Every structure is written in C-alpha cells, then in structure tokens.
Amino acid sequence: MQIRILTAADVRAALPMPKAIEAMKLAFGQFSSGDATVPLRGRLHTDKGVTLLMPAFLKRSRDLAVKVVSVFGDNPSLGLPTVSALVLVLDAETGIPRAMMEGDSLTALRTGAAGGLAADLLARKDASKVALFGAGVQGRSQLVAACAVRSIREVMVFDAMPAAAARLVEEIGTWPQGPRARVAASAAEAVRRADIVLTATTATTPVFNGSDLSSGAHITGVGSFTPDMQEIDPSVVKRAYVVVDAREAAMAEAGDLIKAQAAIDAELGEIVNNDKPGRRDDEQITLFKSVGMAAQDAAAAAAALSAAEGKGLGTVIDLS
C-alpha cells in the first residue's frame, strides 16, 4: 500500500487559489444539497490541550478525508505552534489511505478560498478597494482570494499589532501586479472607502463601527468561531444579507450572529446551487460568516492530491 506525503510547500504548489475556490464551490454545493456527510467534530481533551477529529464525505465528487487538529496552549513555550493539523485522504471505494498532508496550509487555503467564493458571489462586480483586519496567515489568505475574483487595486491593512500590518503591507508590495497597500491609521479609515471588508482576527468585540461602512460593501468574517468571539458590529449584521457556510454550525459557534440575534438568509451552497439569490443590487450590504467545516477540507485535499499526482509533488511511501 502506497501513500503520498505532501508538505506545506507541496500543498501550496498543488493548490493555487483559483483551483481552491473551484474546490470550495464543489464542497458548499454538495453540502447544501444534502450530498455530503459531515459528522459533528469529535473532541478529545487531555491535560495539555484538545484534539479535534473532522471527517467528511462528499457523495457526488467521492471525496473522503479526515482532518486531525490539535490545540495545545503550552506549545509556544516549547518553540512549537499552538495549533497543528494533518489531513488524511482515503479512497472512497476501498477506504485505503491515499495521501497524508500538512493541514495548516490546507486550512488557510480552503478558508481563504471560501471567502473568495463568497466575494465572487456577493461582492459588487466593480469592487476594487479592500479593508483587511488581521495581518496573519488567515488575513493574507483572504486577501489573496479576493484578488483572485475581483480587480483589487487598493488595500488598507489594520491590525492590533501595527508591526504585523507593516510586514504584510511590505509583502504585498512584492506581489506581481498586486494592489497598492498601506497600513490604516484607524479602523474607520480602513472601512470608509472599502468595497470589501475582510476580518480575520481573534477579537471579542467589533473591529469596526458599522456606521463607517459604505453602502454596497461586502464583508467576509472568518476570525470569530466561538459564541464569545465577535468581529462584526451587530448593527451591520442586522441590516446585511447574511450568508453562512452551514446554518447549524454558524448559529452554534458564530458569536457575530449569536450576539446580534441574526436571521440567516442563505447558505453559500444554496447560492452556488441557485436555490437562493446572491447580491440583489449595488446598494445592498452583504455578509458572509464562516466558522469552517470538514467538507471544505475533503474537497481541498482531494484537489491538492489530484494536482500533486499530476505534477509529481510529494513523497510516495510504501507502507506494505
């Protein structure tokens, strides 16, 4: 039995953002049509942290995978990351393992790609200015995805750590044909002219004032994933067209929606499947709130494996 091992670099080489966005279209469409089996996350608590098991099976595309994510708070003191992840891809016909890949890079790609798909379906066609809150891995991935679906000319970056924002702005300056980028002096400055607002922080209170938001803006929120976390002003949530990845998970985990007592208008997959409308007009405020789900990992991992096999990426090991 042979298995292909993909490093983080292999995953990134195999799955450029446009291909990741296409994979997310498959994932969300199957999930919302009932063609995906996605059990609740299994949680195994130890005295040092928690390990999550996230399996999913997409029936139409025959993608089967399990992601294992560990969150161990003491790891930084050991020189190790707090969060680590691994994804195992299985053959849907036999159950035999086909590949094992580094999971943090895949998670960043699939989360960014979900935001990119949402922007493609919900942002105005002429959207060109982005406000980015959070200059970390997820924030960067969200911006890359937005640039993949819209002609982004300008980005304002705001982060609780100005040095982090400055580093990302410097990096964006090296992107081929990338947008003009600068550090925002305030949250208000970042938001007021933005067509697309991206939030990828660990905030527990809103990162911008809803009154500063421009008419017709689209917001993607990926940072808050517990009932106690919050990035989006409740006034924005209440007047926006609210789209989520999964209704049940969003209402159980998304503090942005729970605290605002929000009504969910659609799942992203329902828009993909043309069961629900996307943007109504150029004045409408749209919000995509994502807490993430294993169907995304299964679709992204399958796409990465297919490309890796074609390009000869990774290391093939015989386990027999």
C-alpha atoms as a PDB file:
ATOM      1  CA  MET A   1       0.000   0.000   0.000  1.00  0.00           C
ATOM      2  CA  GLN A   2       1.440   3.344  -1.076  1.00  0.00           C
ATOM      3  CA  ILE A   3       0.672   6.759   0.401  1.00  0.00           C
ATOM      4  CA  ARG A   4       1.710  10.191  -0.860  1.00  0.00           C
ATOM      5  CA  ILE A   5       3.070  12.617   1.752  1.00  0.00           C
ATOM      6  CA  LEU A   6       2.607  16.318   0.991  1.00  0.00           C
ATOM      7  CA  THR A   7       4.433  19.035   2.910  1.00  0.00           C
ATOM      8  CA  ALA A   8       3.072  22.545   3.343  1.00  0.00           C
ATOM      9  CA  ALA A   9       5.108  23.662   0.319  1.00  0.00           C
ATOM     10  CA  ASP A  10       3.701  20.772  -1.718  1.00  0.00           C
ATOM     11  CA  VAL A  11       0.144  21.716  -0.770  1.00  0.00           C
ATOM     12  CA  ARG A  12       0.650  25.341  -1.769  1.00  0.00           C
ATOM     13  CA  ALA A  13       2.248  24.327  -5.078  1.00  0.00           C
ATOM     14  CA  ALA A  14      -0.543  21.873  -5.841  1.00  0.00           C
ATOM     15  CA  LEU A  15      -3.456  24.128  -4.952  1.00  0.00           C
ATOM     16  CA  PRO A  16      -3.230  27.722  -6.218  1.00  0.00           C
ATOM     17  CA  MET A  17      -6.075  29.926  -5.027  1.00  0.00           C
ATOM     18  CA  PRO A  18      -8.245  29.775  -8.186  1.00  0.00           C
ATOM     19  CA  LYS A  19      -8.275  25.967  -8.003  1.00  0.00           C
ATOM     20  CA  ALA A  20      -9.024  26.111  -4.275  1.00  0.00           C
ATOM     21  CA  ILE A  21     -12.016  28.371  -4.973  1.00  0.00           C
ATOM     22  CA  GLU A  22     -13.344  25.876  -7.519  1.00  0.00           C
ATOM     23  CA  ALA A  23     -12.960  23.129  -4.922  1.00  0.00           C
ATOM     24  CA  MET A  24     -14.965  25.190  -2.428  1.00  0.00           C
ATOM     25  CA  LYS A  25     -17.755  25.590  -4.973  1.00  0.00           C
ATOM     26  CA  LEU A  26     -17.983  21.793  -5.125  1.00  0.00           C
ATOM     27  CA  ALA A  27     -17.843  21.454  -1.348  1.00  0.00           C
ATOM     28  CA  PHE A  28     -20.509  24.018  -0.484  1.00  0.00           C
ATOM     29  CA  GLY A  29     -22.810  22.980  -3.309  1.00  0.00           C
ATOM     30  CA  GLN A  30     -22.791  19.358  -2.184  1.00  0.00           C
ATOM     31  CA  PHE A  31     -23.169  20.273   1.473  1.00  0.00           C
ATOM     32  CA  SER A  32     -26.250  22.438   0.929  1.00  0.00           C
ATOM     33  CA  SER A  33     -27.893  19.904  -1.413  1.00  0.00           C
ATOM     34  CA  GLY A  34     -27.566  17.128   1.173  1.00  0.00           C
ATOM     35  CA  ASP A  35     -24.871  15.307  -0.807  1.00  0.00           C
ATOM     36  CA  ALA A  36     -22.268  15.478   1.958  1.00  0.00           C
ATOM     37  CA  THR A  37     -21.885  13.532   5.171  1.00  0.00           C
ATOM     38  CA  VAL A  38     -20.238  15.791   7.752  1.00  0.00           C
ATOM     39  CA  PRO A  39     -20.449  14.481  11.342  1.00  0.00           C
ATOM     40  CA  LEU A  40     -20.005  16.835  14.259  1.00  0.00           C
ATOM     41  CA  ARG A  41     -16.401  17.455  15.235  1.00  0.00           C
ATOM     42  CA  GLY A  42     -15.091  14.868  17.642  1.00  0.00           C
ATOM     43  CA  ARG A  43     -13.245  16.348  20.622  1.00  0.00           C
ATOM     44  CA  LEU A  44     -10.622  14.560  22.693  1.00  0.00           C
ATOM     45  CA  HIS A  45      -9.480  16.568  25.706  1.00  0.00           C
ATOM     46  CA  THR A  46      -6.222  15.848  27.502  1.00  0.00           C
ATOM     47  CA  ASP A  47      -4.494  17.589  30.390  1.00  0.00           C
ATOM     48  CA  LYS A  48      -2.485  19.630  27.856  1.00  0.00           C
ATOM     49  CA  GLY A  49      -4.988  20.506  25.149  1.00  0.00           C
ATOM     50  CA  VAL A  50      -7.677  19.283  22.790  1.00  0.00           C
ATOM     51  CA  THR A  51      -7.554  17.243  19.594  1.00  0.00           C
ATOM     52  CA  LEU A  52     -10.388  17.596  17.079  1.00  0.00           C
ATOM     53  CA  LEU A  53     -11.394  14.959  14.528  1.00  0.00           C
ATOM     54  CA  MET A  54     -13.128  16.354  11.416  1.00  0.00           C
ATOM     55  CA  PRO A  55     -14.267  13.720   8.878  1.00  0.00           C
ATOM     56  CA  ALA A  56     -16.283  14.367   5.712  1.00  0.00           C
ATOM     57  CA  PHE A  57     -17.527  12.504   2.652  1.00  0.00           C
ATOM     58  CA  LEU A  58     -18.743  14.308  -0.473  1.00  0.00           C
ATOM     59  CA  LYS A  59     -21.034  11.910  -2.294  1.00  0.00           C
ATOM     60  CA  ARG A  60     -21.027  13.333  -5.813  1.00  0.00           C
ATOM     61  CA  SER A  61     -17.307  14.051  -6.101  1.00  0.00           C
ATOM     62  CA  ARG A  62     -16.386  10.989  -3.995  1.00  0.00           C
ATOM     63  CA  ASP A  63     -14.037  12.943  -1.751  1.00  0.00           C
ATOM     64  CA  LEU A  64     -13.313  11.294   1.599  1.00  0.00           C
ATOM     65  CA  ALA A  65     -10.953  12.747   4.202  1.00  0.00           C
ATOM     66  CA  VAL A  66     -10.325  13.246   7.900  1.00  0.00           C
ATOM     67  CA  LYS A  67      -8.562  16.246   9.415  1.00  0.00           C
ATOM     68  CA  VAL A  68      -6.925  15.988  12.842  1.00  0.00           C
ATOM     69  CA  VAL A  69      -6.385  19.335  14.559  1.00  0.00           C
ATOM     70  CA  SER A  70      -4.654  19.793  17.905  1.00  0.00           C
ATOM     71  CA  VAL A  71      -4.754  22.940  20.021  1.00  0.00           C
ATOM     72  CA  PHE A  72      -2.194  22.854  22.852  1.00  0.00           C
ATOM     73  CA  GLY A  73      -1.763  26.149  24.662  1.00  0.00           C
ATOM     74  CA  ASP A  74       1.665  25.476  26.201  1.00  0.00           C
ATOM     75  CA  ASN A  75       3.342  24.724  22.875  1.00  0.00           C
ATOM     76  CA  PRO A  76       4.799  28.220  22.267  1.00  0.00           C
ATOM     77  CA  SER A  77       6.932  27.830  25.398  1.00  0.00           C
ATOM     78  CA  LEU A  78       8.388  24.719  23.740  1.00  0.00           C
ATOM     79  CA  GLY A  79       9.028  26.522  20.472  1.00  0.00           C
ATOM     80  CA  LEU A  80       6.076  24.769  18.832  1.00  0.00           C
ATOM     81  CA  PRO A  81       2.880  26.135  17.240  1.00  0.00           C
ATOM     82  CA  THR A  82      -0.286  26.235  19.339  1.00  0.00           C
ATOM     83  CA  VAL A  83      -2.337  24.729  16.510  1.00  0.00           C
ATOM     84  CA  SER A  84      -1.205  21.858  14.297  1.00  0.00           C
ATOM     85  CA  ALA A  85      -3.153  19.856  11.741  1.00  0.00           C
ATOM     86  CA  LEU A  86      -2.858  16.833   9.480  1.00  0.00           C
ATOM     87  CA  VAL A  87      -5.241  15.668   6.740  1.00  0.00           C
ATOM     88  CA  LEU A  88      -5.660  12.041   5.690  1.00  0.00           C
ATOM     89  CA  VAL A  89      -7.243  11.378   2.277  1.00  0.00           C
ATOM     90  CA  LEU A  90      -8.950   7.996   1.818  1.00  0.00           C
ATOM     91  CA  ASP A  91     -10.142   6.163  -1.270  1.00  0.00           C
ATOM     92  CA  ALA A  92     -13.941   6.399  -1.217  1.00  0.00           C
ATOM     93  CA  GLU A  93     -14.352   2.952  -2.791  1.00  0.00           C
ATOM     94  CA  THR A  94     -11.948   0.975  -0.609  1.00  0.00           C
ATOM     95  CA  GLY A  95     -11.194   3.113   2.436  1.00  0.00           C
ATOM     96  CA  ILE A  96      -7.476   2.698   1.796  1.00  0.00           C
ATOM     97  CA  PRO A  97      -5.377   5.778   2.682  1.00  0.00           C
ATOM     98  CA  ARG A  98      -4.127   7.593  -0.411  1.00  0.00           C
ATOM     99  CA  ALA A  99      -2.373  10.648   0.997  1.00  0.00           C
ATOM    100  CA  MET A 100      -1.371  12.484   4.137  1.00  0.00           C
ATOM    101  CA  MET A 101      -0.771  16.224   4.005  1.00  0.00           C
ATOM    102  CA  GLU A 102       0.193  19.122   6.252  1.00  0.00           C
ATOM    103  CA  GLY A 103      -3.063  20.595   7.468  1.00  0.00           C
ATOM    104  CA  ASP A 104      -2.324  24.196   8.468  1.00  0.00           C
ATOM    105  CA  SER A 105      -1.511  25.239   4.904  1.00  0.00           C
ATOM    106  CA  LEU A 106      -4.561  23.411   3.580  1.00  0.00           C
ATOM    107  CA  THR A 107      -6.790  25.061   6.199  1.00  0.00           C
ATOM    108  CA  ALA A 108      -5.510  28.512   5.289  1.00  0.00           C
ATOM    109  CA  LEU A 109      -6.111  27.820   1.598  1.00  0.00           C
ATOM    110  CA  ARG A 110      -9.609  26.428   1.984  1.00  0.00           C
ATOM    111  CA  THR A 111     -10.646  29.185   4.403  1.00  0.00           C
ATOM    112  CA  GLY A 112      -9.325  31.861   2.070  1.00  0.00           C
ATOM    113  CA  ALA A 113     -10.962  30.149  -0.892  1.00  0.00           C
ATOM    114  CA  ALA A 114     -14.336  30.098   0.873  1.00  0.00           C
ATOM    115  CA  GLY A 115     -14.028  33.853   1.331  1.00  0.00           C
ATOM    116  CA  GLY A 116     -13.012  34.184  -2.317  1.00  0.00           C
ATOM    117  CA  LEU A 117     -16.065  32.227  -3.440  1.00  0.00           C
ATOM    118  CA  ALA A 118     -18.286  34.385  -1.230  1.00  0.00           C
ATOM    119  CA  ALA A 119     -16.752  37.563  -2.676  1.00  0.00           C
ATOM    120  CA  ASP A 120     -17.280  36.261  -6.191  1.00  0.00           C
ATOM    121  CA  LEU A 121     -20.966  35.586  -5.481  1.00  0.00           C
ATOM    122  CA  LEU A 122     -21.727  38.559  -3.228  1.00  0.00           C
ATOM    123  CA  ALA A 123     -19.351  41.481  -3.798  1.00  0.00           C
ATOM    124  CA  ARG A 124     -20.127  44.131  -6.401  1.00  0.00           C
ATOM    125  CA  LYS A 125     -18.556  43.362  -9.770  1.00  0.00           C
ATOM    126  CA  ASP A 126     -16.638  46.648  -9.679  1.00  0.00           C
ATOM    127  CA  ALA A 127     -15.276  46.131  -6.150  1.00  0.00           C
ATOM    128  CA  SER A 128     -11.656  47.320  -6.093  1.00  0.00           C
ATOM    129  CA  LYS A 129     -10.863  48.527  -2.554  1.00  0.00           C
ATOM    130  CA  VAL A 130     -10.331  46.198   0.412  1.00  0.00           C
ATOM    131  CA  ALA A 131     -10.141  46.821   4.146  1.00  0.00           C
ATOM    132  CA  LEU A 132      -8.299  43.956   5.836  1.00  0.00           C
ATOM    133  CA  PHE A 133      -8.498  43.433   9.601  1.00  0.00           C
ATOM    134  CA  GLY A 134      -5.912  40.928  10.776  1.00  0.00           C
ATOM    135  CA  ALA A 135      -2.469  40.655   9.193  1.00  0.00           C
ATOM    136  CA  GLY A 136      -1.868  36.997   9.996  1.00  0.00           C
ATOM    137  CA  VAL A 137      -1.987  33.860   7.852  1.00  0.00           C
ATOM    138  CA  GLN A 138      -5.765  33.897   7.520  1.00  0.00           C
ATOM    139  CA  GLY A 139      -5.903  37.585   6.674  1.00  0.00           C
ATOM    140  CA  ARG A 140      -3.290  37.146   3.960  1.00  0.00           C
ATOM    141  CA  SER A 141      -5.182  34.173   2.529  1.00  0.00           C
ATOM    142  CA  GLN A 142      -8.440  36.121   2.442  1.00  0.00           C
ATOM    143  CA  LEU A 143      -6.766  38.953   0.549  1.00  0.00           C
ATOM    144  CA  VAL A 144      -5.181  36.583  -1.982  1.00  0.00           C
ATOM    145  CA  ALA A 145      -8.608  35.063  -2.596  1.00  0.00           C
ATOM    146  CA  ALA A 146     -10.295  38.448  -3.019  1.00  0.00           C
ATOM    147  CA  CYS A 147      -7.645  39.392  -5.576  1.00  0.00           C
ATOM    148  CA  ALA A 148      -8.376  36.145  -7.436  1.00  0.00           C
ATOM    149  CA  VAL A 149     -12.031  37.069  -8.055  1.00  0.00           C
ATOM    150  CA  ARG A 150     -12.006  40.880  -8.283  1.00  0.00           C
ATOM    151  CA  SER A 151      -9.643  43.502  -9.714  1.00  0.00           C
ATOM    152  CA  ILE A 152      -8.391  44.774  -6.365  1.00  0.00           C
ATOM    153  CA  ARG A 153      -6.384  47.982  -6.726  1.00  0.00           C
ATOM    154  CA  GLU A 154      -6.090  49.160  -3.122  1.00  0.00           C
ATOM    155  CA  VAL A 155      -5.929  47.518   0.315  1.00  0.00           C
ATOM    156  CA  MET A 156      -5.824  49.128   3.744  1.00  0.00           C
ATOM    157  CA  VAL A 157      -4.480  46.846   6.477  1.00  0.00           C
ATOM    158  CA  PHE A 158      -5.378  47.279  10.136  1.00  0.00           C
ATOM    159  CA  ASP A 159      -4.060  45.075  12.918  1.00  0.00           C
ATOM    160  CA  ALA A 160      -3.864  45.341  16.701  1.00  0.00           C
ATOM    161  CA  MET A 161      -0.104  44.968  16.182  1.00  0.00           C
ATOM    162  CA  PRO A 162       0.964  47.722  13.752  1.00  0.00           C
ATOM    163  CA  ALA A 163       4.250  45.958  13.079  1.00  0.00           C
ATOM    164  CA  ALA A 164       2.366  42.940  11.742  1.00  0.00           C
ATOM    165  CA  ALA A 165       0.319  45.187   9.459  1.00  0.00           C
ATOM    166  CA  ALA A 166       3.517  46.849   8.222  1.00  0.00           C
ATOM    167  CA  ARG A 167       5.108  43.475   7.440  1.00  0.00           C
ATOM    168  CA  LEU A 168       2.103  42.366   5.405  1.00  0.00           C
ATOM    169  CA  VAL A 169       1.991  45.679   3.532  1.00  0.00           C
ATOM    170  CA  GLU A 170       5.664  45.255   2.688  1.00  0.00           C
ATOM    171  CA  GLU A 171       4.992  41.729   1.409  1.00  0.00           C
ATOM    172  CA  ILE A 172       2.020  42.829  -0.701  1.00  0.00           C
ATOM    173  CA  GLY A 173       4.347  45.324  -2.337  1.00  0.00           C
ATOM    174  CA  THR A 174       6.333  42.390  -3.761  1.00  0.00           C
ATOM    175  CA  TRP A 175       3.322  40.641  -5.310  1.00  0.00           C
ATOM    176  CA  PRO A 176       3.356  40.698  -9.124  1.00  0.00           C
ATOM    177  CA  GLN A 177       0.615  43.109 -10.226  1.00  0.00           C
ATOM    178  CA  GLY A 178      -0.542  43.296  -6.604  1.00  0.00           C
ATOM    179  CA  PRO A 179      -2.729  46.062  -5.180  1.00  0.00           C
ATOM    180  CA  ARG A 180      -1.421  49.266  -3.616  1.00  0.00           C
ATOM    181  CA  ALA A 181      -1.242  48.622   0.106  1.00  0.00           C
ATOM    182  CA  ARG A 182      -0.736  50.708   3.198  1.00  0.00           C
ATOM    183  CA  VAL A 183      -1.312  50.494   6.934  1.00  0.00           C
ATOM    184  CA  ALA A 184      -4.553  52.150   8.017  1.00  0.00           C
ATOM    185  CA  ALA A 185      -4.219  54.727  10.762  1.00  0.00           C
ATOM    186  CA  SER A 186      -7.575  53.663  12.196  1.00  0.00           C
ATOM    187  CA  ALA A 187     -10.366  51.168  11.682  1.00  0.00           C
ATOM    188  CA  ALA A 188     -12.585  53.964  10.401  1.00  0.00           C
ATOM    189  CA  GLU A 189     -10.052  54.964   7.749  1.00  0.00           C
ATOM    190  CA  ALA A 190      -9.821  51.365   6.558  1.00  0.00           C
ATOM    191  CA  VAL A 191     -13.571  50.833   6.262  1.00  0.00           C
ATOM    192  CA  ARG A 192     -14.953  54.099   4.918  1.00  0.00           C
ATOM    193  CA  ARG A 193     -13.830  53.627   1.327  1.00  0.00           C
ATOM    194  CA  ALA A 194     -13.842  49.827   1.237  1.00  0.00           C
ATOM    195  CA  ASP A 195     -15.901  47.784  -1.223  1.00  0.00           C
ATOM    196  CA  ILE A 196     -14.859  44.561   0.518  1.00  0.00           C
ATOM    197  CA  VAL A 197     -14.119  44.225   4.246  1.00  0.00           C
ATOM    198  CA  LEU A 198     -12.214  41.148   5.411  1.00  0.00           C
ATOM    199  CA  THR A 199     -11.949  40.280   9.106  1.00  0.00           C
ATOM    200  CA  ALA A 200      -9.584  37.576  10.318  1.00  0.00           C
ATOM    201  CA  THR A 201      -8.868  38.370  13.961  1.00  0.00           C
ATOM    202  CA  THR A 202      -9.344  36.855  17.400  1.00  0.00           C
ATOM    203  CA  ALA A 203     -11.394  39.842  18.589  1.00  0.00           C
ATOM    204  CA  THR A 204     -14.139  39.591  21.198  1.00  0.00           C
ATOM    205  CA  THR A 205     -15.634  42.983  20.322  1.00  0.00           C
ATOM    206  CA  PRO A 206     -16.376  44.509  16.883  1.00  0.00           C
ATOM    207  CA  VAL A 207     -13.269  45.598  14.983  1.00  0.00           C
ATOM    208  CA  PHE A 208     -15.023  48.491  13.201  1.00  0.00           C
ATOM    209  CA  ASN A 209     -18.035  50.758  13.682  1.00  0.00           C
ATOM    210  CA  GLY A 210     -20.923  49.828  11.449  1.00  0.00           C
ATOM    211  CA  SER A 211     -21.722  53.462  10.747  1.00  0.00           C
ATOM    212  CA  ASP A 212     -18.403  53.757   8.870  1.00  0.00           C
ATOM    213  CA  LEU A 213     -19.350  51.052   6.369  1.00  0.00           C
ATOM    214  CA  SER A 214     -20.033  52.185   2.807  1.00  0.00           C
ATOM    215  CA  SER A 215     -23.294  51.365   1.064  1.00  0.00           C
ATOM    216  CA  GLY A 216     -22.955  48.272  -1.115  1.00  0.00           C
ATOM    217  CA  ALA A 217     -19.999  46.822   0.779  1.00  0.00           C
ATOM    218  CA  HIS A 218     -19.411  43.103   1.192  1.00  0.00           C
ATOM    219  CA  ILE A 219     -17.978  41.695   4.440  1.00  0.00           C
ATOM    220  CA  THR A 220     -16.347  38.313   4.969  1.00  0.00           C
ATOM    221  CA  GLY A 221     -15.789  37.346   8.606  1.00  0.00           C
ATOM    222  CA  VAL A 222     -13.649  34.302   9.381  1.00  0.00           C
ATOM    223  CA  GLY A 223     -11.962  35.155  12.682  1.00  0.00           C
ATOM    224  CA  SER A 224     -14.622  34.522  15.308  1.00  0.00           C
ATOM    225  CA  PHE A 225     -15.544  30.861  15.738  1.00  0.00           C
ATOM    226  CA  THR A 226     -16.950  30.679  19.282  1.00  0.00           C
ATOM    227  CA  PRO A 227     -20.044  32.268  20.862  1.00  0.00           C
ATOM    228  CA  ASP A 228     -17.802  34.585  22.918  1.00  0.00           C
ATOM    229  CA  MET A 229     -15.879  35.986  19.945  1.00  0.00           C
ATOM    230  CA  GLN A 230     -17.074  38.898  17.796  1.00  0.00           C
ATOM    231  CA  GLU A 231     -15.662  40.898  14.896  1.00  0.00           C
ATOM    232  CA  ILE A 232     -18.718  42.389  13.184  1.00  0.00           C
ATOM    233  CA  ASP A 233     -20.832  45.226  14.612  1.00  0.00           C
ATOM    234  CA  PRO A 234     -24.363  43.911  15.371  1.00  0.00           C
ATOM    235  CA  SER A 235     -25.825  46.891  13.502  1.00  0.00           C
ATOM    236  CA  VAL A 236     -24.119  45.604  10.345  1.00  0.00           C
ATOM    237  CA  VAL A 237     -25.322  42.050  10.902  1.00  0.00           C
ATOM    238  CA  LYS A 238     -28.920  43.203  11.344  1.00  0.00           C
ATOM    239  CA  ARG A 239     -29.039  45.182   8.093  1.00  0.00           C
ATOM    240  CA  ALA A 240     -26.953  42.823   5.950  1.00  0.00           C
ATOM    241  CA  TYR A 241     -27.930  39.951   3.692  1.00  0.00           C
ATOM    242  CA  VAL A 242     -26.430  37.204   5.880  1.00  0.00           C
ATOM    243  CA  VAL A 243     -24.874  34.151   4.252  1.00  0.00           C
ATOM    244  CA  VAL A 244     -23.141  31.331   6.162  1.00  0.00           C
ATOM    245  CA  ASP A 245     -21.264  28.153   5.360  1.00  0.00           C
ATOM    246  CA  ALA A 246     -23.543  25.938   7.467  1.00  0.00           C
ATOM    247  CA  ARG A 247     -26.648  27.136   9.326  1.00  0.00           C
ATOM    248  CA  GLU A 248     -26.463  24.804  12.316  1.00  0.00           C
ATOM    249  CA  ALA A 249     -22.767  25.342  12.934  1.00  0.00           C
ATOM    250  CA  ALA A 250     -22.999  29.110  12.463  1.00  0.00           C
ATOM    251  CA  MET A 251     -25.822  29.525  14.956  1.00  0.00           C
ATOM    252  CA  ALA A 252     -23.979  27.343  17.488  1.00  0.00           C
ATOM    253  CA  GLU A 253     -20.496  28.850  17.092  1.00  0.00           C
ATOM    254  CA  ALA A 254     -20.536  32.288  15.428  1.00  0.00           C
ATOM    255  CA  GLY A 255     -20.558  34.956  18.125  1.00  0.00           C
ATOM    256  CA  ASP A 256     -21.122  37.632  15.465  1.00  0.00           C
ATOM    257  CA  LEU A 257     -24.512  36.124  14.652  1.00  0.00           C
ATOM    258  CA  ILE A 258     -25.447  34.877  18.118  1.00  0.00           C
ATOM    259  CA  LYS A 259     -24.872  38.238  19.803  1.00  0.00           C
ATOM    260  CA  ALA A 260     -26.803  40.074  17.105  1.00  0.00           C
ATOM    261  CA  GLN A 261     -29.633  37.508  17.197  1.00  0.00           C
ATOM    262  CA  ALA A 262     -29.266  37.408  13.443  1.00  0.00           C
ATOM    263  CA  ALA A 263     -31.532  35.793  10.888  1.00  0.00           C
ATOM    264  CA  ILE A 264     -29.624  33.749   8.318  1.00  0.00           C
ATOM    265  CA  ASP A 265     -30.720  34.413   4.743  1.00  0.00           C
ATOM    266  CA  ALA A 266     -28.815  31.675   2.912  1.00  0.00           C
ATOM    267  CA  GLU A 267     -26.016  29.126   2.961  1.00  0.00           C
ATOM    268  CA  LEU A 268     -23.254  29.767   0.461  1.00  0.00           C
ATOM    269  CA  GLY A 269     -24.005  26.410  -1.150  1.00  0.00           C
ATOM    270  CA  GLU A 270     -27.623  27.419  -1.714  1.00  0.00           C
ATOM    271  CA  ILE A 271     -26.386  30.365  -3.786  1.00  0.00           C
ATOM    272  CA  VAL A 272     -23.958  28.082  -5.653  1.00  0.00           C
ATOM    273  CA  ASN A 273     -26.897  25.773  -6.423  1.00  0.00           C
ATOM    274  CA  ASN A 274     -29.137  28.708  -7.456  1.00  0.00           C
ATOM    275  CA  ASP A 275     -31.589  27.839  -4.687  1.00  0.00           C
ATOM    276  CA  LYS A 276     -31.107  31.266  -3.077  1.00  0.00           C
ATOM    277  CA  PRO A 277     -30.174  34.610  -4.651  1.00  0.00           C
ATOM    278  CA  GLY A 278     -26.858  36.356  -4.291  1.00  0.00           C
ATOM    279  CA  ARG A 279     -26.470  40.132  -4.229  1.00  0.00           C
ATOM    280  CA  ARG A 280     -29.708  41.973  -5.009  1.00  0.00           C
ATOM    281  CA  ASP A 281     -28.305  45.360  -6.084  1.00  0.00           C
ATOM    282  CA  ASP A 282     -25.281  47.648  -5.760  1.00  0.00           C
ATOM    283  CA  GLU A 283     -26.576  49.247  -2.553  1.00  0.00           C
ATOM    284  CA  GLN A 284     -27.084  46.039  -0.584  1.00  0.00           C
ATOM    285  CA  ILE A 285     -24.782  45.167   2.335  1.00  0.00           C
ATOM    286  CA  THR A 286     -23.765  41.500   2.198  1.00  0.00           C
ATOM    287  CA  LEU A 287     -22.089  39.435   4.909  1.00  0.00           C
ATOM    288  CA  PHE A 288     -20.511  36.001   4.660  1.00  0.00           C
ATOM    289  CA  LYS A 289     -19.841  34.469   8.065  1.00  0.00           C
ATOM    290  CA  SER A 290     -17.736  31.324   8.124  1.00  0.00           C
ATOM    291  CA  VAL A 291     -16.875  29.012  11.004  1.00  0.00           C
ATOM    292  CA  GLY A 292     -15.423  26.312   8.732  1.00  0.00           C
ATOM    293  CA  MET A 293     -16.430  22.708   8.146  1.00  0.00           C
ATOM    294  CA  ALA A 294     -14.826  19.417   7.192  1.00  0.00           C
ATOM    295  CA  ALA A 295     -16.458  19.315   3.742  1.00  0.00           C
ATOM    296  CA  GLN A 296     -14.064  22.109   2.773  1.00  0.00           C
ATOM    297  CA  ASP A 297     -11.061  20.055   3.897  1.00  0.00           C
ATOM    298  CA  ALA A 298     -12.199  16.984   1.968  1.00  0.00           C
ATOM    299  CA  ALA A 299     -12.693  18.921  -1.271  1.00  0.00           C
ATOM    300  CA  ALA A 300      -9.464  20.901  -0.924  1.00  0.00           C
ATOM    301  CA  ALA A 301      -7.428  17.816  -0.027  1.00  0.00           C
ATOM    302  CA  ALA A 302      -8.808  15.882  -2.991  1.00  0.00           C
ATOM    303  CA  ALA A 303      -7.974  18.743  -5.351  1.00  0.00           C
ATOM    304  CA  ALA A 304      -4.479  19.068  -3.891  1.00  0.00           C
ATOM    305  CA  LEU A 305      -3.857  15.329  -4.203  1.00  0.00           C
ATOM    306  CA  SER A 306      -5.045  15.192  -7.811  1.00  0.00           C
ATOM    307  CA  ALA A 307      -2.735  18.055  -8.789  1.00  0.00           C
ATOM    308  CA  ALA A 308       0.162  16.617  -6.778  1.00  0.00           C
ATOM    309  CA  GLU A 309      -0.158  13.292  -8.576  1.00  0.00           C
ATOM    310  CA  GLY A 310      -0.130  15.057 -11.934  1.00  0.00           C
ATOM    311  CA  LYS A 311       2.886  17.210 -11.034  1.00  0.00           C
ATOM    312  CA  GLY A 312       4.817  14.531  -9.170  1.00  0.00           C
ATOM    313  CA  LEU A 313       4.753  16.503  -5.920  1.00  0.00           C
ATOM    314  CA  GLY A 314       5.373  14.970  -2.518  1.00  0.00           C
ATOM    315  CA  THR A 315       6.990  11.757  -1.403  1.00  0.00           C
ATOM    316  CA  VAL A 316       5.417   8.359  -2.074  1.00  0.00           C
ATOM    317  CA  ILE A 317       5.988   5.826   0.697  1.00  0.00           C
ATOM    318  CA  ASP A 318       5.237   2.113   0.562  1.00  0.00           C
ATOM    319  CA  LEU A 319       3.568   1.100   3.836  1.00  0.00           C
ATOM    320  CA  SER A 320       3.352  -2.610   2.969  1.00  0.00           C
END
